[in-house]
Amino acid sequence: MTELALIPNMLELKLEWKKILISATRINKSDNSSVISEFSNLGLDSHWIPPFKLTFIKIRSCQPGPKFPTWLRNQTELTTLVLNNARISDTIPNWFWQLDLALDELDVGSNELSGRIPNSLGFRFPGTVDLRSNRYEGPLPLWSFNVTKLYLNNNLFSGPIPRDFGQKIPFLTDLDISFNSLNGSVPKSIGNLQQLLTLVISNNNYMSNNSLPGEIPDSIGSLLSVRFLIFCNNHISGEVPPSLKNCSMMESLDLGDNQLSGNIPAWIGESMPSLSILRLRSNYFNGAIPPELCKLSALHILDLSHNNLSGFIPSCVGNFSRTEYVFYSTLYLVNLMDLSSNNLSREMPVELTRLIHLGTLNLSQNHLVGKIPTQIGKLEWLESLDLSKNKLSGSIPPSMVSLTFMNHLNLSYNNLSGEIPKVNQFQSLKDPSIYAGNLALCGDPLPKRCSEIDGTSW
């Protein structure tokens, strides 16, 4: 929403600014188009000096750019400044950093701002800083301890996370420094962030060869209130620290795409009862899938793919009961189970068919044997099923024709036999690669007719 408020002397306003203020006072919260159009078409002269001083400015998705607004130069009483998605492709000039402001909020996210960020700007408690999705570079800035929400993601920041980061900004509740070019290890001082709810340090090797190596510090277990811990796509190694079990309020744990090793800790299933997302994909975890994970009744995304897991799929997986109703309450979250690219063996547990609102099931590239469960048609919300590159045998269960929402299917390179179903969704699954590598499968879309197998007509 665009807001211009708390103007001390309305009589001194130019006509254009009066018009904006009148519009702002009458505007409905669900319709801010008039304010946006008025402001974006002002065309203020770059040397114009406003005859007033504002304390509160919020401008979103307008076009005061491409230069940083010079009329802010005399705005020494600002407490809130939002220029989000304002098409500014410039640097924030030095005069702005020297205004000696004490801000509640600074949001210049989603622009094309560049340069380095000084540490001189002051904030009041609780302060919010949003610089995301720009082109800032240099080391991470460290502001006063009054900052509680800090979003620096999607920039070009480089170098290590400062060792004293947790001491300098100890009251952070939300920290996102993902998609930068940071290197070095995660400092132990992170454990000082006792109020932290969200910590995102993912994807710090996408712009260069830099990344965050080293191990997850034991001090991470001091983050007793953290709910979202996202360390994915770095070079973090070692084992998951046991101290993490102290984070009992965790809702999303994403350590995927790293170099972690050892067993998947059984205590995850016992110490994190609210966990809804567990993503450990693309690491070096080995051993069996701990059955304790089945205690995660709130789980709706489980991704353990691309590891070295062995043993079998626990039959208790049918206890992930949240997948039976989460579809209705959180439509934007996909219910997903991905155990692909491991060394899992034995049969597919029939208990999998209890997950009747599962949207994606991927068990490909394992060593599964036996038949596809006959009751698989119970997974009526299934959109994607990949069982390829296993050792499954028998026919395609007739109940699979009930999977009418399925738009992706891969059964290739197994030992399946018999005729491919012809009705419902199978009429649109006509790519022969879906069924390739099953020498005893027959029927459309494969070239082999069922009458060619042992001279029998199927």
Protein backbone atom coordinates (compact mmCIF):
# COMPACT_ATOMS: atom_id res chain seq x y z
CA MET A 1 0.00 0.00 0.00
CA THR A 2 1.24 3.53 -0.79
CA GLU A 3 0.97 5.87 2.15
CA LEU A 4 2.10 9.47 2.78
CA ALA A 5 1.20 10.48 6.29
CA LEU A 6 2.10 12.62 9.30
CA ILE A 7 2.82 15.80 7.30
CA PRO A 8 3.32 18.65 9.83
CA ASN A 9 2.11 21.63 7.84
CA MET A 10 -0.48 20.85 5.17
CA LEU A 11 -0.84 24.51 4.17
CA GLU A 12 2.65 24.46 2.67
CA LEU A 13 2.01 21.51 0.40
CA LYS A 14 2.09 21.89 -3.34
CA LEU A 15 -1.18 21.27 -5.13
CA GLU A 16 0.01 17.91 -6.39
CA TRP A 17 0.87 16.70 -2.91
CA LYS A 18 -2.49 17.93 -1.61
CA LYS A 19 -4.14 15.77 -4.24
CA ILE A 20 -2.19 12.73 -3.10
CA LEU A 21 -3.03 13.36 0.53
CA ILE A 22 -6.75 13.77 -0.23
CA SER A 23 -6.69 10.55 -2.24
CA ALA A 24 -4.85 8.78 0.55
CA THR A 25 -7.38 9.83 3.19
CA ARG A 26 -10.32 8.62 1.10
CA ILE A 27 -8.82 5.49 -0.36
CA ASN A 28 -10.21 2.06 0.34
CA LYS A 29 -7.58 -0.43 1.56
CA SER A 30 -8.44 -2.79 -1.27
CA ASP A 31 -8.01 -0.12 -3.94
CA ASN A 32 -4.84 1.97 -3.93
CA SER A 33 -4.62 2.54 -7.69
CA SER A 34 -5.37 6.28 -7.51
CA VAL A 35 -2.55 6.99 -5.08
CA ILE A 36 -0.12 4.95 -7.15
CA SER A 37 -1.03 6.69 -10.40
CA GLU A 38 -0.89 10.17 -8.84
CA PHE A 39 2.56 9.63 -7.40
CA SER A 40 4.06 7.87 -10.38
CA ASN A 41 3.08 10.75 -12.68
CA LEU A 42 4.31 13.67 -10.56
CA GLY A 43 7.54 14.13 -12.49
CA LEU A 44 9.20 16.12 -9.69
CA ASP A 45 12.24 18.18 -10.59
CA SER A 46 15.45 16.66 -9.27
CA HIS A 47 16.31 19.95 -7.51
CA TRP A 48 12.91 20.36 -5.88
CA ILE A 49 13.04 20.81 -2.10
CA PRO A 50 9.80 19.80 -0.33
CA PRO A 51 8.40 22.51 1.97
CA PHE A 52 7.61 19.89 4.61
CA LYS A 53 9.24 17.01 6.44
CA LEU A 54 7.75 13.55 6.53
CA THR A 55 8.12 10.86 9.15
CA PHE A 56 6.38 8.04 7.25
CA ILE A 57 6.79 7.18 3.55
CA LYS A 58 5.65 3.95 1.93
CA ILE A 59 5.82 3.67 -1.85
CA ARG A 60 5.41 0.23 -3.39
CA SER A 61 5.35 -0.78 -7.05
CA CYS A 62 5.54 2.82 -8.30
CA GLN A 63 8.14 4.42 -10.54
CA PRO A 64 10.00 7.26 -8.76
CA GLY A 65 13.22 5.79 -10.26
CA PRO A 66 15.54 5.26 -12.02
CA LYS A 67 17.47 7.63 -9.71
CA PHE A 68 17.27 7.57 -5.95
CA PRO A 69 14.83 10.40 -5.02
CA THR A 70 16.89 13.51 -4.23
CA TRP A 71 13.91 15.20 -2.58
CA LEU A 72 14.54 12.90 0.40
CA ARG A 73 17.68 14.88 1.17
CA ASN A 74 15.99 17.18 3.67
CA GLN A 75 13.78 14.48 5.21
CA THR A 76 15.63 14.33 8.52
CA GLU A 77 12.63 13.20 10.57
CA LEU A 78 11.93 9.95 8.76
CA THR A 79 11.14 6.88 10.83
CA THR A 80 9.75 4.70 8.02
CA LEU A 81 11.01 4.62 4.44
CA VAL A 82 9.69 2.10 1.93
CA LEU A 83 10.69 2.35 -1.74
CA ASN A 84 9.95 -1.23 -2.69
CA ASN A 85 9.90 -2.26 -6.35
CA ALA A 86 10.37 1.37 -7.37
CA ARG A 87 12.55 0.68 -10.45
CA ILE A 88 15.53 2.46 -8.94
CA SER A 89 18.80 1.54 -10.66
CA ASP A 90 21.27 3.64 -8.73
CA THR A 91 23.31 3.71 -5.57
CA ILE A 92 21.97 5.10 -2.33
CA PRO A 93 23.93 8.38 -2.09
CA ASN A 94 26.21 9.13 0.86
CA TRP A 95 24.02 12.02 1.97
CA PHE A 96 21.25 9.58 2.82
CA TRP A 97 23.47 7.54 5.13
CA GLN A 98 24.52 10.80 6.82
CA LEU A 99 20.99 12.00 7.66
CA ASP A 100 21.36 10.72 11.23
CA LEU A 101 18.00 8.96 11.05
CA ALA A 102 16.55 6.61 13.65
CA LEU A 103 14.36 4.32 11.56
CA ASP A 104 11.73 1.75 12.43
CA GLU A 105 11.76 0.38 8.89
CA LEU A 106 13.94 0.65 5.79
CA ASP A 107 12.67 -1.25 2.78
CA VAL A 108 14.33 -0.67 -0.60
CA GLY A 109 13.90 -4.26 -1.78
CA SER A 110 13.27 -5.41 -5.36
CA ASN A 111 15.14 -2.63 -7.14
CA GLU A 112 18.49 -2.53 -8.94
CA LEU A 113 20.43 -0.71 -6.27
CA SER A 114 24.16 -1.33 -6.09
CA GLY A 115 27.23 -0.37 -4.11
CA ARG A 116 28.25 -1.09 -0.54
CA ILE A 117 26.21 -0.63 2.59
CA PRO A 118 27.75 1.31 5.50
CA ASN A 119 27.02 0.46 9.11
CA SER A 120 26.23 4.06 10.06
CA LEU A 121 22.43 4.03 9.84
CA GLY A 122 20.59 3.99 13.16
CA PHE A 123 17.44 2.03 14.00
CA ARG A 124 14.88 2.00 16.76
CA PHE A 125 13.60 -1.18 18.37
CA PRO A 126 12.11 -3.24 16.76
CA GLY A 127 13.74 -2.35 13.45
CA THR A 128 13.16 -3.91 10.04
CA VAL A 129 15.71 -3.77 7.18
CA ASP A 130 14.81 -5.15 3.75
CA LEU A 131 17.46 -4.86 1.01
CA ARG A 132 16.55 -8.07 -0.81
CA SER A 133 16.75 -8.52 -4.58
CA ASN A 134 19.26 -5.80 -5.44
CA ARG A 135 22.93 -5.75 -6.44
CA TYR A 136 24.60 -4.79 -3.20
CA GLU A 137 28.11 -6.10 -2.71
CA GLY A 138 30.88 -6.18 -0.15
CA PRO A 139 30.68 -7.60 3.38
CA LEU A 140 27.44 -8.10 5.25
CA PRO A 141 26.45 -4.87 7.01
CA LEU A 142 26.13 -4.90 10.80
CA TRP A 143 23.68 -2.36 12.20
CA SER A 144 22.60 -1.65 15.75
CA PHE A 145 21.23 -4.32 18.02
CA ASN A 146 17.77 -2.78 17.58
CA VAL A 147 17.30 -4.54 14.21
CA THR A 148 14.95 -7.51 14.58
CA LYS A 149 14.18 -8.40 10.94
CA LEU A 150 16.97 -8.45 8.36
CA TYR A 151 16.50 -9.48 4.73
CA LEU A 152 19.68 -9.31 2.62
CA ASN A 153 18.92 -12.18 0.26
CA ASN A 154 19.41 -12.12 -3.52
CA ASN A 155 22.36 -9.74 -3.63
CA LEU A 156 26.10 -9.94 -4.24
CA PHE A 157 27.34 -9.81 -0.65
CA SER A 158 30.59 -11.73 -0.22
CA GLY A 159 33.11 -12.73 2.38
CA PRO A 160 32.45 -14.54 5.65
CA ILE A 161 29.58 -14.05 8.04
CA PRO A 162 31.17 -11.88 10.77
CA ARG A 163 32.21 -13.91 13.81
CA ASP A 164 30.46 -11.51 16.16
CA PHE A 165 27.27 -11.41 14.09
CA GLY A 166 25.16 -12.87 16.89
CA GLN A 167 26.52 -10.39 19.43
CA LYS A 168 26.06 -7.34 17.22
CA ILE A 169 22.39 -7.99 16.33
CA PRO A 170 21.20 -10.27 19.16
CA PHE A 171 17.46 -9.60 18.95
CA LEU A 172 16.90 -10.83 15.40
CA THR A 173 13.70 -12.79 14.85
CA ASP A 174 14.08 -13.16 11.06
CA LEU A 175 17.34 -13.43 9.11
CA ASP A 176 17.66 -14.22 5.40
CA ILE A 177 21.11 -13.99 3.77
CA SER A 178 20.46 -16.57 1.06
CA PHE A 179 21.48 -16.27 -2.60
CA ASN A 180 24.67 -14.31 -2.05
CA SER A 181 28.35 -15.22 -2.46
CA LEU A 182 29.22 -15.72 1.19
CA ASN A 183 31.99 -18.06 2.25
CA GLY A 184 33.57 -19.25 5.45
CA SER A 185 31.79 -21.22 8.14
CA VAL A 186 28.63 -20.46 10.08
CA PRO A 187 29.86 -18.59 13.19
CA LYS A 188 29.18 -19.93 16.68
CA SER A 189 27.73 -16.55 17.62
CA ILE A 190 24.60 -17.48 15.66
CA GLY A 191 23.64 -19.31 18.84
CA ASN A 192 23.24 -15.92 20.56
CA LEU A 193 20.14 -15.18 18.48
CA GLN A 194 17.79 -16.46 21.16
CA GLN A 195 14.72 -14.77 19.63
CA LEU A 196 15.27 -16.15 16.13
CA LEU A 197 12.24 -17.67 14.40
CA THR A 198 13.53 -17.89 10.80
CA LEU A 199 17.12 -18.49 9.67
CA VAL A 200 17.85 -18.82 5.95
CA ILE A 201 21.50 -19.22 4.84
CA SER A 202 20.90 -21.21 1.66
CA ASN A 203 22.35 -20.95 -1.84
CA ASN A 204 25.60 -19.16 -1.21
CA ASN A 205 27.51 -20.66 -4.13
CA TYR A 206 25.31 -19.74 -7.05
CA MET A 207 27.21 -16.62 -8.13
CA SER A 208 30.75 -17.98 -7.78
CA ASN A 209 32.76 -20.84 -6.39
CA ASN A 210 32.25 -19.48 -2.91
CA SER A 211 30.05 -21.31 -0.45
CA LEU A 212 29.62 -21.95 3.24
CA PRO A 213 31.79 -24.94 4.17
CA GLY A 214 32.45 -26.35 7.60
CA GLU A 215 30.03 -27.91 10.05
CA ILE A 216 26.82 -26.73 11.62
CA PRO A 217 27.94 -25.28 14.96
CA ASP A 218 26.69 -26.91 18.17
CA SER A 219 25.53 -23.46 19.26
CA ILE A 220 22.64 -23.81 16.81
CA GLY A 221 20.89 -25.74 19.58
CA SER A 222 20.56 -22.50 21.52
CA LEU A 223 17.96 -21.24 19.05
CA LEU A 224 15.10 -22.58 21.14
CA SER A 225 12.43 -20.55 19.33
CA VAL A 226 13.55 -21.14 15.74
CA ARG A 227 10.82 -22.51 13.49
CA PHE A 228 12.34 -22.26 10.03
CA LEU A 229 15.96 -23.38 9.59
CA ILE A 230 17.10 -23.38 5.95
CA PHE A 231 20.77 -24.15 5.22
CA CYS A 232 20.31 -25.80 1.83
CA ASN A 233 22.68 -25.69 -1.16
CA ASN A 234 25.99 -24.94 0.52
CA HIS A 235 29.03 -27.11 1.29
CA ILE A 236 28.21 -27.84 4.92
CA SER A 237 29.72 -31.14 6.07
CA GLY A 238 29.85 -33.33 9.16
CA GLU A 239 26.88 -34.74 11.01
CA VAL A 240 23.70 -33.06 12.19
CA PRO A 241 24.62 -31.72 15.65
CA PRO A 242 22.72 -33.42 18.51
CA SER A 243 22.13 -30.00 20.06
CA LEU A 244 19.58 -29.33 17.31
CA LYS A 245 17.15 -31.55 19.21
CA ASN A 246 16.65 -28.61 21.57
CA CYS A 247 14.83 -26.75 18.78
CA SER A 248 11.52 -28.36 19.60
CA MET A 249 9.41 -25.68 17.90
CA MET A 250 10.86 -26.41 14.45
CA GLU A 251 8.37 -26.39 11.59
CA SER A 252 10.70 -26.51 8.57
CA LEU A 253 14.17 -28.08 8.54
CA ASP A 254 16.00 -27.86 5.21
CA LEU A 255 19.61 -29.07 5.12
CA GLY A 256 19.44 -30.31 1.54
CA ASP A 257 22.18 -30.09 -1.10
CA ASN A 258 25.15 -30.14 1.23
CA GLN A 259 27.78 -32.70 2.24
CA LEU A 260 26.31 -33.93 5.50
CA SER A 261 26.97 -37.53 6.47
CA GLY A 262 26.19 -40.13 9.13
CA ASN A 263 22.77 -41.47 10.01
CA ILE A 264 19.59 -39.45 9.86
CA PRO A 265 19.02 -38.67 13.55
CA ALA A 266 16.13 -40.59 15.06
CA TRP A 267 15.55 -37.74 17.51
CA ILE A 268 14.16 -35.58 14.69
CA GLY A 269 10.97 -37.61 14.95
CA GLU A 270 10.86 -37.37 18.72
CA SER A 271 11.99 -33.80 19.42
CA MET A 272 10.25 -31.81 16.68
CA PRO A 273 6.53 -32.63 16.91
CA SER A 274 5.48 -29.60 14.81
CA LEU A 275 7.77 -30.37 11.88
CA SER A 276 5.90 -30.11 8.59
CA ILE A 277 8.84 -29.95 6.15
CA LEU A 278 11.91 -32.19 6.40
CA ARG A 279 14.30 -31.82 3.47
CA LEU A 280 17.66 -33.66 3.68
CA ARG A 281 18.10 -34.41 -0.02
CA SER A 282 21.43 -34.57 -1.85
CA ASN A 283 23.76 -35.31 1.05
CA TYR A 284 25.75 -38.38 2.11
CA PHE A 285 23.43 -39.74 4.78
CA ASN A 286 23.62 -43.51 5.18
CA GLY A 287 21.97 -46.22 7.22
CA ALA A 288 18.26 -46.89 7.47
CA ILE A 289 15.35 -44.49 7.49
CA PRO A 290 14.65 -44.20 11.24
CA PRO A 291 11.11 -45.37 12.03
CA GLU A 292 10.93 -42.58 14.60
CA LEU A 293 10.24 -40.21 11.69
CA CYS A 294 6.80 -41.79 11.54
CA LYS A 295 5.95 -39.90 14.73
CA LEU A 296 5.92 -36.65 12.74
CA SER A 297 2.15 -36.52 12.41
CA ALA A 298 2.30 -32.94 11.05
CA LEU A 299 4.71 -33.83 8.25
CA HIS A 300 3.60 -33.11 4.70
CA ILE A 301 6.92 -32.79 2.84
CA LEU A 302 9.52 -35.52 3.30
CA ASP A 303 12.52 -35.39 0.95
CA LEU A 304 15.37 -37.80 1.71
CA SER A 305 16.33 -38.33 -1.93
CA HIS A 306 19.85 -38.58 -3.37
CA ASN A 307 21.59 -40.03 -0.33
CA ASN A 308 23.10 -43.42 0.52
CA LEU A 309 20.19 -44.72 2.58
CA SER A 310 19.71 -48.49 2.75
CA GLY A 311 17.30 -50.94 4.32
CA PHE A 312 13.58 -50.65 3.65
CA ILE A 313 10.80 -48.11 3.72
CA PRO A 314 9.26 -48.34 7.21
CA SER A 315 5.72 -49.62 7.13
CA CYS A 316 4.77 -46.94 9.66
CA VAL A 317 4.96 -44.25 6.96
CA GLY A 318 1.17 -44.49 6.80
CA ASN A 319 1.19 -42.64 10.12
CA PHE A 320 1.97 -39.34 8.39
CA SER A 321 -1.66 -38.56 8.96
CA ARG A 322 -1.48 -34.82 8.22
CA THR A 323 -1.33 -35.60 4.53
CA GLU A 324 -4.95 -36.69 4.79
CA TYR A 325 -6.20 -33.16 5.41
CA VAL A 326 -3.46 -30.65 4.70
CA PHE A 327 -4.57 -30.44 1.06
CA TYR A 328 -7.67 -28.60 2.14
CA SER A 329 -6.06 -26.20 4.61
CA THR A 330 -2.79 -25.29 2.83
CA LEU A 331 -3.45 -25.49 -0.88
CA TYR A 332 -0.17 -23.80 -1.78
CA LEU A 333 1.88 -26.60 -0.15
CA VAL A 334 2.43 -29.76 -2.17
CA ASN A 335 2.20 -33.01 -0.22
CA LEU A 336 5.38 -34.74 -1.27
CA MET A 337 7.40 -37.84 -0.39
CA ASP A 338 10.69 -38.27 -2.25
CA LEU A 339 12.96 -41.20 -1.32
CA SER A 340 14.51 -41.55 -4.76
CA SER A 341 18.15 -42.28 -5.61
CA ASN A 342 19.05 -44.30 -2.54
CA ASN A 343 19.73 -47.99 -1.90
CA LEU A 344 16.36 -48.92 -0.45
CA SER A 345 15.24 -52.52 -0.91
CA ARG A 346 12.35 -54.91 -0.18
CA GLU A 347 8.78 -54.20 -1.22
CA MET A 348 6.77 -51.03 -1.32
CA PRO A 349 4.85 -51.06 1.98
CA VAL A 350 1.12 -51.29 1.43
CA GLU A 351 0.77 -48.68 4.19
CA LEU A 352 1.83 -46.05 1.66
CA THR A 353 -1.67 -46.25 0.22
CA ARG A 354 -3.04 -44.68 3.41
CA LEU A 355 -1.64 -41.32 2.36
CA ILE A 356 -4.78 -40.63 0.39
CA HIS A 357 -3.99 -36.96 -0.31
CA LEU A 358 -0.37 -37.39 -1.31
CA GLY A 359 0.40 -35.27 -4.36
CA THR A 360 3.89 -36.52 -5.31
CA LEU A 361 5.49 -39.90 -4.65
CA ASN A 362 8.99 -40.60 -5.96
CA LEU A 363 10.67 -43.92 -5.11
CA SER A 364 12.77 -44.17 -8.27
CA GLN A 365 16.36 -45.41 -8.53
CA ASN A 366 16.31 -47.80 -5.61
CA HIS A 367 16.26 -51.61 -5.37
CA LEU A 368 12.59 -52.14 -4.60
CA VAL A 369 11.16 -55.57 -5.47
CA GLY A 370 7.75 -57.21 -5.52
CA LYS A 371 4.53 -55.82 -6.85
CA ILE A 372 3.08 -52.34 -6.89
CA PRO A 373 0.45 -52.39 -4.08
CA THR A 374 -2.94 -53.25 -5.51
CA GLN A 375 -4.57 -50.52 -3.42
CA ILE A 376 -2.46 -47.75 -4.94
CA GLY A 377 -5.62 -46.36 -6.54
CA LYS A 378 -6.56 -45.03 -3.09
CA LEU A 379 -4.03 -42.22 -3.63
CA GLU A 380 -6.71 -40.35 -5.52
CA TRP A 381 -4.99 -36.93 -5.32
CA LEU A 382 -1.72 -38.23 -6.72
CA GLU A 383 -0.40 -36.01 -9.52
CA SER A 384 3.11 -37.41 -9.92
CA LEU A 385 4.28 -41.02 -9.46
CA ASP A 386 7.83 -42.17 -10.25
CA LEU A 387 8.76 -45.81 -9.57
CA SER A 388 11.35 -46.07 -12.33
CA LYS A 389 14.67 -47.92 -12.14
CA ASN A 390 13.74 -50.47 -9.51
CA LYS A 391 13.07 -54.21 -9.70
CA LEU A 392 9.30 -54.16 -9.43
CA SER A 393 7.39 -57.01 -11.03
CA GLY A 394 3.85 -58.07 -11.81
CA SER A 395 1.21 -56.11 -13.65
CA ILE A 396 0.19 -52.48 -13.45
CA PRO A 397 -2.57 -52.60 -10.79
CA PRO A 398 -6.04 -52.02 -12.28
CA SER A 399 -6.77 -49.56 -9.45
CA MET A 400 -4.29 -47.10 -11.00
CA VAL A 401 -6.95 -46.06 -13.50
CA SER A 402 -8.56 -44.25 -10.54
CA LEU A 403 -5.61 -41.83 -10.39
CA THR A 404 -7.40 -39.29 -12.56
CA PHE A 405 -5.29 -36.31 -11.40
CA MET A 406 -2.02 -37.95 -12.38
CA ASN A 407 -0.14 -35.96 -15.01
CA HIS A 408 3.33 -37.45 -14.53
CA LEU A 409 4.04 -41.18 -14.47
CA ASN A 410 7.30 -43.09 -14.82
CA LEU A 411 7.36 -46.89 -14.50
CA SER A 412 10.36 -47.44 -16.75
CA TYR A 413 13.15 -49.97 -16.19
CA ASN A 414 11.45 -52.46 -13.93
CA ASN A 415 10.24 -56.02 -14.53
CA LEU A 416 6.57 -55.19 -15.03
CA SER A 417 4.43 -57.38 -17.28
CA GLY A 418 1.01 -57.51 -18.86
CA GLU A 419 -1.13 -54.97 -20.65
CA ILE A 420 -0.93 -51.23 -20.10
CA PRO A 421 -4.34 -49.84 -19.01
CA LYS A 422 -6.26 -47.97 -21.68
CA VAL A 423 -8.83 -45.92 -19.78
CA ASN A 424 -9.03 -42.66 -17.84
CA GLN A 425 -5.72 -40.90 -17.33
CA PHE A 426 -3.77 -43.60 -19.15
CA GLN A 427 -5.28 -42.32 -22.39
CA SER A 428 -3.15 -39.18 -22.06
CA LEU A 429 0.01 -40.95 -20.83
CA LYS A 430 1.15 -41.88 -24.32
CA ASP A 431 4.91 -41.32 -24.08
CA PRO A 432 6.58 -44.75 -24.61
CA SER A 433 9.45 -43.75 -22.30
CA ILE A 434 7.02 -44.03 -19.37
CA TYR A 435 7.05 -47.81 -19.79
CA ALA A 436 10.46 -48.41 -21.42
CA GLY A 437 12.70 -51.16 -20.09
CA ASN A 438 9.86 -53.48 -19.03
CA LEU A 439 10.32 -56.30 -21.52
CA ALA A 440 7.05 -58.06 -20.69
CA LEU A 441 4.80 -54.98 -20.85
CA CYS A 442 2.62 -54.69 -23.92
CA GLY A 443 -0.05 -52.58 -25.54
CA ASP A 444 -0.33 -48.96 -26.61
CA PRO A 445 1.87 -46.84 -26.61
CA LEU A 446 4.51 -49.59 -26.83
CA PRO A 447 5.06 -51.19 -30.23
CA LYS A 448 4.72 -54.70 -28.73
CA ARG A 449 1.22 -56.11 -29.06
CA CYS A 450 -0.02 -58.25 -26.17
CA SER A 451 -0.84 -61.06 -28.60
CA GLU A 452 2.88 -61.33 -29.33
CA ILE A 453 3.68 -62.46 -25.80
CA ASP A 454 3.53 -66.26 -25.69
CA GLY A 455 0.91 -66.13 -28.44
CA THR A 456 -1.69 -65.02 -25.92
CA SER A 457 -4.21 -62.26 -26.44
CA TRP A 458 -4.47 -60.01 -23.36
